[in-house]
Amino acid sequence: MSESAELLSGLALGAFRLNGQFLHVAEGLARPVGMTAAWWQVLGAVLREPLPVAGIARAMGMTRQGVQRIADLLVERGLAEYRPNPAHRRAKLLQPTDAGRAAIAEIVPAHQAFADRLVDELGVETARDCLQALQRLSAALDGLTDQP
């Protein structure tokens, strides 16, 4: 196997492991407030502005169908609601309800405590370097997967 193929495999396996680790942490932070990591992820995507399901899926790297299922559950549980979308009649916008915002607010203290522990473990500069490396890797993959 070539070095580039080995690097790709190592990057992919590392990303898969990291994804699993982040999901485990997110589940632990969301569970005490009666949420799942996936619910938190979708609700978090619309905290600043309402988005259509397809927009949430693109932003979060999820499938549209998966986001739709979670969005419907959030609406059913009163944590989010659908609003009309002036740009598209059929693609309604998802936005959090007051209850959804309150649920996210309950996660914030534990999220902050974990963030502080992680950054203390890594150091601020290393944490920034990791973030920059992940952003560069993601941008490179976006560029390559947009090509035929």
Protein backbone atom coordinates (compact mmCIF):
# COMPACT_ATOMS: atom_id res chain seq x y z
CA MET A 1 0.00 0.00 0.00
CA SER A 2 1.32 3.45 -0.86
CA GLU A 3 2.04 6.06 1.80
CA SER A 4 -0.87 8.20 0.60
CA ALA A 5 -3.26 5.23 0.86
CA GLU A 6 -1.97 4.46 4.37
CA LEU A 7 -2.41 8.11 5.37
CA LEU A 8 -5.97 8.17 4.02
CA SER A 9 -6.80 4.98 5.91
CA GLY A 10 -5.24 6.34 9.11
CA LEU A 11 -7.09 9.65 8.78
CA ALA A 12 -10.40 7.89 8.15
CA LEU A 13 -9.99 5.42 11.01
CA GLY A 14 -8.90 8.24 13.32
CA ALA A 15 -11.93 10.32 12.32
CA PHE A 16 -14.28 7.36 12.85
CA ARG A 17 -12.82 6.75 16.32
CA LEU A 18 -12.96 10.46 17.16
CA ASN A 19 -16.59 10.62 15.99
CA GLY A 20 -17.44 7.71 18.28
CA GLN A 21 -15.67 9.38 21.19
CA PHE A 22 -17.46 12.70 20.64
CA LEU A 23 -20.81 10.91 20.34
CA HIS A 24 -20.15 9.08 23.61
CA VAL A 25 -19.36 12.38 25.35
CA ALA A 26 -22.39 14.09 23.77
CA GLU A 27 -24.70 11.25 24.86
CA GLY A 28 -23.40 11.61 28.41
CA LEU A 29 -24.02 15.37 28.37
CA ALA A 30 -27.48 15.16 26.76
CA ARG A 31 -28.89 12.16 28.67
CA PRO A 32 -29.44 13.96 32.02
CA VAL A 33 -31.82 16.42 30.34
CA GLY A 34 -33.76 13.68 28.52
CA MET A 35 -32.15 14.20 25.13
CA THR A 36 -29.89 12.22 22.83
CA ALA A 37 -26.73 13.42 21.12
CA ALA A 38 -28.58 13.41 17.78
CA TRP A 39 -31.42 15.54 19.17
CA TRP A 40 -28.88 17.96 20.61
CA GLN A 41 -27.03 18.07 17.30
CA VAL A 42 -30.14 18.90 15.25
CA LEU A 43 -31.54 21.35 17.81
CA GLY A 44 -28.14 23.00 18.13
CA ALA A 45 -28.04 23.55 14.37
CA VAL A 46 -31.09 25.81 14.54
CA LEU A 47 -30.37 27.80 17.70
CA ARG A 48 -29.14 30.88 15.79
CA GLU A 49 -31.57 30.72 12.90
CA PRO A 50 -34.25 28.37 11.63
CA LEU A 51 -33.16 26.07 8.81
CA PRO A 52 -34.80 23.58 6.47
CA VAL A 53 -34.06 19.91 7.11
CA ALA A 54 -31.77 19.73 4.06
CA GLY A 55 -29.77 22.71 5.36
CA ILE A 56 -29.35 21.07 8.77
CA ALA A 57 -28.21 17.85 7.09
CA ARG A 58 -25.59 19.69 5.03
CA ALA A 59 -24.30 21.66 8.03
CA MET A 60 -24.10 18.60 10.29
CA GLY A 61 -22.90 16.01 7.77
CA MET A 62 -26.02 13.92 8.29
CA THR A 63 -28.53 12.44 5.85
CA ARG A 64 -31.65 14.44 5.08
CA GLN A 65 -33.80 11.45 6.04
CA GLY A 66 -32.04 11.09 9.40
CA VAL A 67 -32.48 14.78 10.18
CA GLN A 68 -36.15 14.60 9.12
CA ARG A 69 -36.79 11.72 11.53
CA ILE A 70 -35.10 13.57 14.41
CA ALA A 71 -36.80 16.88 13.56
CA ASP A 72 -40.20 15.18 13.61
CA LEU A 73 -39.41 13.69 17.04
CA LEU A 74 -38.29 17.08 18.36
CA VAL A 75 -41.54 18.64 17.11
CA GLU A 76 -43.58 15.77 18.59
CA ARG A 77 -41.91 16.33 21.98
CA GLY A 78 -42.42 20.09 21.88
CA LEU A 79 -38.71 20.91 21.62
CA ALA A 80 -38.94 22.36 18.11
CA GLU A 81 -41.55 23.54 15.64
CA TYR A 82 -41.89 23.90 11.90
CA ARG A 83 -42.36 27.40 10.47
CA PRO A 84 -43.23 28.48 6.94
CA ASN A 85 -40.24 29.02 4.67
CA PRO A 86 -40.63 32.15 2.52
CA ALA A 87 -37.96 30.80 0.12
CA HIS A 88 -39.61 27.41 -0.42
CA ARG A 89 -43.22 26.45 0.15
CA ARG A 90 -42.64 22.76 0.91
CA ALA A 91 -39.31 22.88 2.79
CA LYS A 92 -40.47 24.20 6.15
CA LEU A 93 -37.98 25.75 8.58
CA LEU A 94 -37.19 24.05 11.89
CA GLN A 95 -36.71 26.24 14.94
CA PRO A 96 -36.45 25.47 18.65
CA THR A 97 -39.32 26.19 21.00
CA ASP A 98 -38.79 27.76 24.41
CA ALA A 99 -38.71 24.22 25.82
CA GLY A 100 -36.02 23.26 23.30
CA ARG A 101 -33.91 26.28 24.20
CA ALA A 102 -34.35 25.46 27.90
CA ALA A 103 -33.20 21.87 27.31
CA ILE A 104 -30.08 23.08 25.51
CA ALA A 105 -29.45 25.62 28.29
CA GLU A 106 -29.51 22.76 30.81
CA ILE A 107 -26.66 21.06 28.92
CA VAL A 108 -24.46 24.18 28.88
CA PRO A 109 -22.88 23.87 32.37
CA ALA A 110 -21.79 20.24 31.85
CA HIS A 111 -20.65 21.08 28.30
CA GLN A 112 -18.54 23.97 29.65
CA ALA A 113 -17.03 21.79 32.38
CA PHE A 114 -16.06 19.10 29.86
CA ALA A 115 -14.69 21.71 27.45
CA ASP A 116 -12.54 23.16 30.22
CA ARG A 117 -11.20 19.70 31.12
CA LEU A 118 -10.39 18.89 27.50
CA VAL A 119 -8.62 22.19 26.85
CA ASP A 120 -6.72 21.85 30.15
CA GLU A 121 -5.60 18.38 29.00
CA LEU A 122 -4.50 19.54 25.53
CA GLY A 123 -3.48 23.12 26.18
CA VAL A 124 -5.11 26.03 24.36
CA GLU A 125 -2.59 26.15 21.49
CA THR A 126 -2.81 22.42 20.81
CA ALA A 127 -6.61 22.61 20.92
CA ARG A 128 -6.52 25.44 18.37
CA ASP A 129 -4.07 23.48 16.20
CA CYS A 130 -6.37 20.43 16.31
CA LEU A 131 -9.36 22.53 15.32
CA GLN A 132 -7.45 24.11 12.44
CA ALA A 133 -6.24 20.70 11.22
CA LEU A 134 -9.79 19.30 11.31
CA GLN A 135 -11.10 22.33 9.41
CA ARG A 136 -8.37 21.98 6.77
CA LEU A 137 -9.05 18.26 6.39
CA SER A 138 -12.79 18.85 6.05
CA ALA A 139 -12.27 21.62 3.47
CA ALA A 140 -9.91 19.39 1.45
CA LEU A 141 -12.43 16.55 1.47
CA ASP A 142 -15.21 18.95 0.43
CA GLY A 143 -13.07 20.14 -2.47
CA LEU A 144 -12.24 16.64 -3.63
CA THR A 145 -15.73 15.22 -3.27
CA ASP A 146 -17.21 18.13 -5.25
CA GLN A 147 -15.13 17.06 -8.25
CA PRO A 148 -16.45 14.46 -10.71
